[in-house]
């Protein structure tokens, strides 16, 4: 009986060492975050491109990402927020690079440039800023994304917004 107990104890010890040594941790506030910061306002990013919905889509994806974290809660009005995450989209290029048949896009190459900053609402102090945020990615688009004009473009933009929201969140959280 004691051998079985020791064996189980060693297995438990080994697994806990493995889990904690691999970088797994419970999500907590970054050390530079004040404990009074509980809410964040994320307006649509200013958009200087030909893609009319990209600023709102990126803001929506960021709101969703912060809501998942449950530490900073997105709010609908700026007056209710402790922090404001605002940004600009300066360039976006989307081009098809692979086709199944004529006008049926399989892959899209996307190049994105923008900037963002996290600001404390009351003081106006910049908490974090990235003046040149770029992303260059190739996205595979599904066959159902075929439309009469620019097939697969909308799906590639949605994937881009999801990726950008994850990268911006990680940059703010783990800087």
C-alpha atoms as a PDB file:
ATOM      1  CA  UNK A   1       0.000   0.000   0.000  1.00  0.00           C
ATOM      2  CA  UNK A   2       2.769   2.470   0.828  1.00  0.00           C
ATOM      3  CA  UNK A   3       4.534   1.718  -2.472  1.00  0.00           C
ATOM      4  CA  UNK A   4       1.350   2.563  -4.380  1.00  0.00           C
ATOM      5  CA  UNK A   5       0.975   5.782  -2.370  1.00  0.00           C
ATOM      6  CA  UNK A   6       4.584   6.765  -3.076  1.00  0.00           C
ATOM      7  CA  UNK A   7       4.169   5.981  -6.760  1.00  0.00           C
ATOM      8  CA  UNK A   8       1.045   8.165  -7.027  1.00  0.00           C
ATOM      9  CA  UNK A   9       2.799  10.945  -5.105  1.00  0.00           C
ATOM     10  CA  UNK A  10       5.757  10.861  -7.493  1.00  0.00           C
ATOM     11  CA  UNK A  11       3.482  10.963 -10.525  1.00  0.00           C
ATOM     12  CA  UNK A  12       1.602  13.936  -9.071  1.00  0.00           C
ATOM     13  CA  UNK A  13       4.859  15.701  -8.272  1.00  0.00           C
ATOM     14  CA  UNK A  14       6.206  15.087 -11.773  1.00  0.00           C
ATOM     15  CA  UNK A  15       3.022  16.319 -13.477  1.00  0.00           C
ATOM     16  CA  UNK A  16       2.861  19.472 -11.368  1.00  0.00           C
ATOM     17  CA  UNK A  17       6.527  20.186 -12.144  1.00  0.00           C
ATOM     18  CA  UNK A  18       5.842  19.638 -15.844  1.00  0.00           C
ATOM     19  CA  UNK A  19       2.794  21.925 -15.914  1.00  0.00           C
ATOM     20  CA  UNK A  20       4.388  24.785 -13.988  1.00  0.00           C
ATOM     21  CA  UNK A  21       7.698  24.608 -15.843  1.00  0.00           C
ATOM     22  CA  UNK A  22       6.081  24.860 -19.299  1.00  0.00           C
ATOM     23  CA  UNK A  23       4.986  28.441 -18.851  1.00  0.00           C
ATOM     24  CA  UNK A  24       1.372  27.756 -17.936  1.00  0.00           C
ATOM     25  CA  UNK A  25       0.043  30.279 -15.500  1.00  0.00           C
ATOM     26  CA  UNK A  26      -3.203  31.766 -14.332  1.00  0.00           C
ATOM     27  CA  UNK A  27      -3.981  35.000 -16.133  1.00  0.00           C
ATOM     28  CA  UNK A  28      -3.498  37.971 -13.872  1.00  0.00           C
ATOM     29  CA  UNK A  29      -3.129  41.719 -14.191  1.00  0.00           C
ATOM     30  CA  UNK A  30       0.092  42.988 -15.713  1.00  0.00           C
ATOM     31  CA  UNK A  31       2.365  44.503 -13.077  1.00  0.00           C
ATOM     32  CA  UNK A  32       2.075  48.007 -14.556  1.00  0.00           C
ATOM     33  CA  UNK A  33      -1.750  47.954 -14.348  1.00  0.00           C
ATOM     34  CA  UNK A  34      -3.314  49.871 -11.462  1.00  0.00           C
ATOM     35  CA  UNK A  35      -5.807  47.915  -9.398  1.00  0.00           C
ATOM     36  CA  UNK A  36      -8.389  50.676  -9.981  1.00  0.00           C
ATOM     37  CA  UNK A  37      -8.478  49.990 -13.743  1.00  0.00           C
ATOM     38  CA  UNK A  38     -11.458  47.753 -14.341  1.00  0.00           C
ATOM     39  CA  UNK A  39     -13.071  48.960 -17.591  1.00  0.00           C
ATOM     40  CA  UNK A  40     -11.909  49.745 -21.107  1.00  0.00           C
ATOM     41  CA  UNK A  41     -13.516  51.635 -23.971  1.00  0.00           C
ATOM     42  CA  UNK A  42     -12.560  50.565 -27.504  1.00  0.00           C
ATOM     43  CA  UNK A  43     -13.956  52.873 -30.215  1.00  0.00           C
ATOM     44  CA  UNK A  44     -13.757  51.920 -33.892  1.00  0.00           C
ATOM     45  CA  UNK A  45     -10.233  52.441 -35.193  1.00  0.00           C
ATOM     46  CA  UNK A  46      -9.809  55.425 -37.509  1.00  0.00           C
ATOM     47  CA  UNK A  47      -9.671  54.058 -41.008  1.00  0.00           C
ATOM     48  CA  UNK A  48      -7.593  55.664 -43.769  1.00  0.00           C
ATOM     49  CA  UNK A  49      -8.050  52.802 -46.218  1.00  0.00           C
ATOM     50  CA  UNK A  50     -10.523  51.740 -48.897  1.00  0.00           C
ATOM     51  CA  UNK A  51     -11.972  49.023 -46.645  1.00  0.00           C
ATOM     52  CA  UNK A  52     -15.031  50.698 -45.098  1.00  0.00           C
ATOM     53  CA  UNK A  53     -15.770  48.239 -42.252  1.00  0.00           C
ATOM     54  CA  UNK A  54     -12.267  47.282 -41.095  1.00  0.00           C
ATOM     55  CA  UNK A  55     -12.050  49.825 -38.240  1.00  0.00           C
ATOM     56  CA  UNK A  56     -15.295  48.650 -36.660  1.00  0.00           C
ATOM     57  CA  UNK A  57     -14.490  44.966 -37.202  1.00  0.00           C
ATOM     58  CA  UNK A  58     -11.116  45.325 -35.483  1.00  0.00           C
ATOM     59  CA  UNK A  59     -12.668  47.192 -32.541  1.00  0.00           C
ATOM     60  CA  UNK A  60     -15.340  44.475 -32.225  1.00  0.00           C
ATOM     61  CA  UNK A  61     -12.703  41.717 -32.222  1.00  0.00           C
ATOM     62  CA  UNK A  62     -10.708  43.594 -29.552  1.00  0.00           C
ATOM     63  CA  UNK A  63     -13.811  44.051 -27.376  1.00  0.00           C
ATOM     64  CA  UNK A  64     -14.458  40.334 -27.635  1.00  0.00           C
ATOM     65  CA  UNK A  65     -10.829  39.510 -26.747  1.00  0.00           C
ATOM     66  CA  UNK A  66     -10.832  41.770 -23.661  1.00  0.00           C
ATOM     67  CA  UNK A  67     -14.220  40.412 -22.556  1.00  0.00           C
ATOM     68  CA  UNK A  68     -12.760  36.894 -22.625  1.00  0.00           C
ATOM     69  CA  UNK A  69      -9.940  38.002 -20.309  1.00  0.00           C
ATOM     70  CA  UNK A  70     -12.457  39.164 -17.663  1.00  0.00           C
ATOM     71  CA  UNK A  71      -9.958  41.561 -16.064  1.00  0.00           C
ATOM     72  CA  UNK A  72     -10.734  44.668 -18.116  1.00  0.00           C
ATOM     73  CA  UNK A  73     -14.419  44.792 -19.021  1.00  0.00           C
ATOM     74  CA  UNK A  74     -15.323  46.593 -22.282  1.00  0.00           C
ATOM     75  CA  UNK A  75     -17.901  49.357 -21.859  1.00  0.00           C
ATOM     76  CA  UNK A  76     -20.138  51.094 -24.397  1.00  0.00           C
ATOM     77  CA  UNK A  77     -19.447  54.709 -23.434  1.00  0.00           C
ATOM     78  CA  UNK A  78     -16.143  56.504 -22.998  1.00  0.00           C
ATOM     79  CA  UNK A  79     -17.323  58.225 -19.790  1.00  0.00           C
ATOM     80  CA  UNK A  80     -17.686  54.829 -18.066  1.00  0.00           C
ATOM     81  CA  UNK A  81     -14.147  53.660 -18.890  1.00  0.00           C
ATOM     82  CA  UNK A  82     -10.927  53.731 -16.907  1.00  0.00           C
ATOM     83  CA  UNK A  83      -8.816  53.088 -20.028  1.00  0.00           C
ATOM     84  CA  UNK A  84      -9.260  53.845 -23.718  1.00  0.00           C
ATOM     85  CA  UNK A  85      -7.722  51.752 -26.497  1.00  0.00           C
ATOM     86  CA  UNK A  86      -7.732  53.739 -29.726  1.00  0.00           C
ATOM     87  CA  UNK A  87      -5.970  53.273 -32.994  1.00  0.00           C
ATOM     88  CA  UNK A  88      -5.637  53.985 -36.684  1.00  0.00           C
ATOM     89  CA  UNK A  89      -5.465  51.787 -39.741  1.00  0.00           C
ATOM     90  CA  UNK A  90      -3.138  53.469 -42.207  1.00  0.00           C
ATOM     91  CA  UNK A  91      -2.679  50.835 -44.941  1.00  0.00           C
ATOM     92  CA  UNK A  92      -4.176  47.557 -45.964  1.00  0.00           C
ATOM     93  CA  UNK A  93      -3.436  45.615 -49.123  1.00  0.00           C
ATOM     94  CA  UNK A  94      -5.367  42.478 -50.026  1.00  0.00           C
ATOM     95  CA  UNK A  95      -4.549  40.447 -53.075  1.00  0.00           C
ATOM     96  CA  UNK A  96      -5.503  36.998 -54.268  1.00  0.00           C
ATOM     97  CA  UNK A  97      -2.546  34.659 -54.706  1.00  0.00           C
ATOM     98  CA  UNK A  98      -4.118  31.273 -55.455  1.00  0.00           C
ATOM     99  CA  UNK A  99      -7.226  30.264 -57.392  1.00  0.00           C
ATOM    100  CA  UNK A 100      -9.238  27.067 -57.640  1.00  0.00           C
ATOM    101  CA  UNK A 101     -10.871  28.144 -60.893  1.00  0.00           C
ATOM    102  CA  UNK A 102     -11.451  31.540 -62.484  1.00  0.00           C
ATOM    103  CA  UNK A 103     -12.742  33.983 -59.808  1.00  0.00           C
ATOM    104  CA  UNK A 104     -12.671  31.376 -57.011  1.00  0.00           C
ATOM    105  CA  UNK A 105      -9.947  32.488 -54.614  1.00  0.00           C
ATOM    106  CA  UNK A 106      -8.168  29.892 -52.462  1.00  0.00           C
ATOM    107  CA  UNK A 107      -5.677  32.182 -50.691  1.00  0.00           C
ATOM    108  CA  UNK A 108      -5.372  35.888 -49.972  1.00  0.00           C
ATOM    109  CA  UNK A 109      -2.231  37.804 -49.079  1.00  0.00           C
ATOM    110  CA  UNK A 110      -2.902  40.643 -46.601  1.00  0.00           C
ATOM    111  CA  UNK A 111      -0.521  43.415 -45.578  1.00  0.00           C
ATOM    112  CA  UNK A 112      -1.667  45.621 -42.696  1.00  0.00           C
ATOM    113  CA  UNK A 113      -0.182  48.767 -41.148  1.00  0.00           C
ATOM    114  CA  UNK A 114      -1.583  50.778 -38.283  1.00  0.00           C
ATOM    115  CA  UNK A 115      -0.957  52.114 -34.806  1.00  0.00           C
ATOM    116  CA  UNK A 116      -2.650  52.056 -31.423  1.00  0.00           C
ATOM    117  CA  UNK A 117      -2.357  53.445 -27.935  1.00  0.00           C
ATOM    118  CA  UNK A 118      -3.774  52.629 -24.523  1.00  0.00           C
ATOM    119  CA  UNK A 119      -4.620  55.782 -22.561  1.00  0.00           C
ATOM    120  CA  UNK A 120      -5.861  56.384 -19.040  1.00  0.00           C
ATOM    121  CA  UNK A 121      -9.092  58.330 -19.525  1.00  0.00           C
ATOM    122  CA  UNK A 122      -8.935  60.661 -16.508  1.00  0.00           C
ATOM    123  CA  UNK A 123      -5.285  61.744 -16.730  1.00  0.00           C
ATOM    124  CA  UNK A 124      -4.741  61.296 -20.479  1.00  0.00           C
ATOM    125  CA  UNK A 125      -1.492  59.446 -19.720  1.00  0.00           C
ATOM    126  CA  UNK A 126      -0.314  56.987 -22.398  1.00  0.00           C
ATOM    127  CA  UNK A 127       0.028  53.585 -20.798  1.00  0.00           C
ATOM    128  CA  UNK A 128       1.219  51.807 -23.945  1.00  0.00           C
ATOM    129  CA  UNK A 129       1.767  52.854 -27.555  1.00  0.00           C
ATOM    130  CA  UNK A 130       2.787  51.150 -30.766  1.00  0.00           C
ATOM    131  CA  UNK A 131       3.382  53.704 -33.524  1.00  0.00           C
ATOM    132  CA  UNK A 132       4.037  51.163 -36.278  1.00  0.00           C
ATOM    133  CA  UNK A 133       2.017  47.970 -35.965  1.00  0.00           C
ATOM    134  CA  UNK A 134       2.366  45.749 -39.034  1.00  0.00           C
ATOM    135  CA  UNK A 135       1.135  42.346 -40.053  1.00  0.00           C
ATOM    136  CA  UNK A 136       1.796  40.401 -43.240  1.00  0.00           C
ATOM    137  CA  UNK A 137      -0.116  37.157 -43.582  1.00  0.00           C
ATOM    138  CA  UNK A 138      -1.497  34.717 -46.112  1.00  0.00           C
ATOM    139  CA  UNK A 139      -4.999  33.441 -45.396  1.00  0.00           C
ATOM    140  CA  UNK A 140      -6.624  30.407 -46.860  1.00  0.00           C
ATOM    141  CA  UNK A 141     -10.284  31.090 -47.612  1.00  0.00           C
ATOM    142  CA  UNK A 142     -13.035  28.506 -47.740  1.00  0.00           C
ATOM    143  CA  UNK A 143     -14.911  27.538 -50.855  1.00  0.00           C
ATOM    144  CA  UNK A 144     -18.149  28.959 -49.433  1.00  0.00           C
ATOM    145  CA  UNK A 145     -16.612  32.455 -49.471  1.00  0.00           C
ATOM    146  CA  UNK A 146     -17.206  32.781 -53.192  1.00  0.00           C
ATOM    147  CA  UNK A 147     -19.063  35.944 -54.149  1.00  0.00           C
ATOM    148  CA  UNK A 148     -19.546  37.843 -57.385  1.00  0.00           C
ATOM    149  CA  UNK A 149     -17.140  40.644 -56.413  1.00  0.00           C
ATOM    150  CA  UNK A 150     -13.752  39.924 -54.871  1.00  0.00           C
ATOM    151  CA  UNK A 151     -14.385  36.411 -53.546  1.00  0.00           C
ATOM    152  CA  UNK A 152     -12.736  35.507 -50.232  1.00  0.00           C
ATOM    153  CA  UNK A 153     -11.829  39.091 -49.378  1.00  0.00           C
ATOM    154  CA  UNK A 154     -14.371  39.497 -46.563  1.00  0.00           C
ATOM    155  CA  UNK A 155     -13.329  36.206 -44.961  1.00  0.00           C
ATOM    156  CA  UNK A 156      -9.649  37.181 -45.120  1.00  0.00           C
ATOM    157  CA  UNK A 157     -10.442  40.525 -43.439  1.00  0.00           C
ATOM    158  CA  UNK A 158     -12.343  38.770 -40.641  1.00  0.00           C
ATOM    159  CA  UNK A 159      -9.409  36.431 -40.028  1.00  0.00           C
ATOM    160  CA  UNK A 160      -7.043  39.399 -40.060  1.00  0.00           C
ATOM    161  CA  UNK A 161      -9.111  41.213 -37.415  1.00  0.00           C
ATOM    162  CA  UNK A 162      -9.103  38.135 -35.175  1.00  0.00           C
ATOM    163  CA  UNK A 163      -5.322  37.808 -35.509  1.00  0.00           C
ATOM    164  CA  UNK A 164      -4.718  41.512 -34.918  1.00  0.00           C
ATOM    165  CA  UNK A 165      -6.918  41.552 -31.825  1.00  0.00           C
ATOM    166  CA  UNK A 166      -4.942  38.647 -30.364  1.00  0.00           C
ATOM    167  CA  UNK A 167      -1.610  40.331 -31.123  1.00  0.00           C
ATOM    168  CA  UNK A 168      -2.674  43.708 -29.714  1.00  0.00           C
ATOM    169  CA  UNK A 169      -4.079  42.054 -26.586  1.00  0.00           C
ATOM    170  CA  UNK A 170      -0.851  40.095 -26.050  1.00  0.00           C
ATOM    171  CA  UNK A 171       1.315  43.168 -26.643  1.00  0.00           C
ATOM    172  CA  UNK A 172      -0.606  45.139 -24.019  1.00  0.00           C
ATOM    173  CA  UNK A 173      -0.870  42.284 -21.553  1.00  0.00           C
ATOM    174  CA  UNK A 174       2.601  40.763 -21.775  1.00  0.00           C
ATOM    175  CA  UNK A 175       4.842  43.705 -22.634  1.00  0.00           C
END
